[in-house]
Amino acid sequence: MRPFTIIIVIVIGAGAAGAWLFFAPHGAGSSQGGSQRAGDFLKPPQNYKTSGGQPMKPRW
């Protein structure tokens, strides 16, 4: 009976984790601010310094 109980606990835990991952992005407005902050954090810079760098040379 013990292995059966362990399997049931693992199945319930996996189901709860899957439900949390499935329903978490559809939260009531709390994820909107987080996704906006993530977009700002992951946004690449728009101005790149292109002067005074090392000249490009082939590697062969």
C-alpha atoms as a PDB file:
ATOM      1  CA  MET A   1       0.000   0.000   0.000  1.00  0.00           C
ATOM      2  CA  ARG A   2       2.931   2.368   0.594  1.00  0.00           C
ATOM      3  CA  PRO A   3       4.083   2.604  -3.087  1.00  0.00           C
ATOM      4  CA  PHE A   4       0.488   3.298  -4.104  1.00  0.00           C
ATOM      5  CA  THR A   5       0.288   6.185  -1.608  1.00  0.00           C
ATOM      6  CA  ILE A   6       3.555   7.664  -2.910  1.00  0.00           C
ATOM      7  CA  ILE A   7       2.299   7.489  -6.486  1.00  0.00           C
ATOM      8  CA  ILE A   8      -0.969   9.194  -5.516  1.00  0.00           C
ATOM      9  CA  VAL A   9       0.909  12.013  -3.742  1.00  0.00           C
ATOM     10  CA  ILE A  10       3.181  12.521  -6.779  1.00  0.00           C
ATOM     11  CA  VAL A  11       0.197  12.593  -9.158  1.00  0.00           C
ATOM     12  CA  ILE A  12      -1.650  15.125  -6.994  1.00  0.00           C
ATOM     13  CA  GLY A  13       1.470  17.299  -6.719  1.00  0.00           C
ATOM     14  CA  ALA A  14       2.100  17.198 -10.456  1.00  0.00           C
ATOM     15  CA  GLY A  15      -1.541  18.038 -11.148  1.00  0.00           C
ATOM     16  CA  ALA A  16      -1.424  20.981  -8.742  1.00  0.00           C
ATOM     17  CA  ALA A  17       1.809  22.276 -10.304  1.00  0.00           C
ATOM     18  CA  GLY A  18       0.366  21.929 -13.801  1.00  0.00           C
ATOM     19  CA  ALA A  19      -2.824  23.719 -12.813  1.00  0.00           C
ATOM     20  CA  TRP A  20      -0.807  26.519 -11.197  1.00  0.00           C
ATOM     21  CA  LEU A  21       1.303  26.967 -14.346  1.00  0.00           C
ATOM     22  CA  PHE A  22      -1.779  26.872 -16.545  1.00  0.00           C
ATOM     23  CA  PHE A  23      -3.870  29.332 -14.546  1.00  0.00           C
ATOM     24  CA  ALA A  24      -1.130  31.671 -13.208  1.00  0.00           C
ATOM     25  CA  PRO A  25      -0.735  33.853 -16.375  1.00  0.00           C
ATOM     26  CA  HIS A  26      -4.488  34.481 -16.388  1.00  0.00           C
ATOM     27  CA  GLY A  27      -4.445  36.232 -12.999  1.00  0.00           C
ATOM     28  CA  ALA A  28      -6.644  39.239 -12.298  1.00  0.00           C
ATOM     29  CA  GLY A  29      -4.336  42.065 -13.386  1.00  0.00           C
ATOM     30  CA  SER A  30      -1.405  41.209 -11.135  1.00  0.00           C
ATOM     31  CA  SER A  31       0.613  39.699 -13.980  1.00  0.00           C
ATOM     32  CA  GLN A  32       0.178  42.771 -16.195  1.00  0.00           C
ATOM     33  CA  GLY A  33       2.583  44.874 -14.153  1.00  0.00           C
ATOM     34  CA  GLY A  34       5.056  42.025 -13.969  1.00  0.00           C
ATOM     35  CA  SER A  35       5.060  41.458 -17.716  1.00  0.00           C
ATOM     36  CA  GLN A  36       5.530  45.187 -18.313  1.00  0.00           C
ATOM     37  CA  ARG A  37       8.509  45.273 -15.960  1.00  0.00           C
ATOM     38  CA  ALA A  38       9.956  42.162 -17.604  1.00  0.00           C
ATOM     39  CA  GLY A  39       9.614  43.779 -21.022  1.00  0.00           C
ATOM     40  CA  ASP A  40      11.450  46.867 -19.820  1.00  0.00           C
ATOM     41  CA  PHE A  41      14.184  44.774 -18.230  1.00  0.00           C
ATOM     42  CA  LEU A  42      14.736  42.571 -21.277  1.00  0.00           C
ATOM     43  CA  LYS A  43      14.505  45.414 -23.792  1.00  0.00           C
ATOM     44  CA  PRO A  44      17.845  45.939 -25.586  1.00  0.00           C
ATOM     45  CA  PRO A  45      19.429  49.402 -25.580  1.00  0.00           C
ATOM     46  CA  GLN A  46      18.594  51.560 -28.576  1.00  0.00           C
ATOM     47  CA  ASN A  47      21.860  53.527 -28.766  1.00  0.00           C
ATOM     48  CA  TYR A  48      25.047  51.590 -29.398  1.00  0.00           C
ATOM     49  CA  LYS A  49      28.485  53.173 -29.249  1.00  0.00           C
ATOM     50  CA  THR A  50      30.028  52.533 -32.666  1.00  0.00           C
ATOM     51  CA  SER A  51      33.164  54.677 -32.576  1.00  0.00           C
ATOM     52  CA  GLY A  52      36.586  53.922 -31.111  1.00  0.00           C
ATOM     53  CA  GLY A  53      36.260  50.154 -31.129  1.00  0.00           C
ATOM     54  CA  GLN A  54      38.730  47.435 -32.007  1.00  0.00           C
ATOM     55  CA  PRO A  55      39.086  46.896 -35.771  1.00  0.00           C
ATOM     56  CA  MET A  56      37.566  43.687 -37.066  1.00  0.00           C
ATOM     57  CA  LYS A  57      39.998  41.065 -38.340  1.00  0.00           C
ATOM     58  CA  PRO A  58      39.318  37.632 -39.777  1.00  0.00           C
ATOM     59  CA  ARG A  59      40.188  34.732 -37.458  1.00  0.00           C
ATOM     60  CA  TRP A  60      42.157  32.723 -39.985  1.00  0.00           C
END
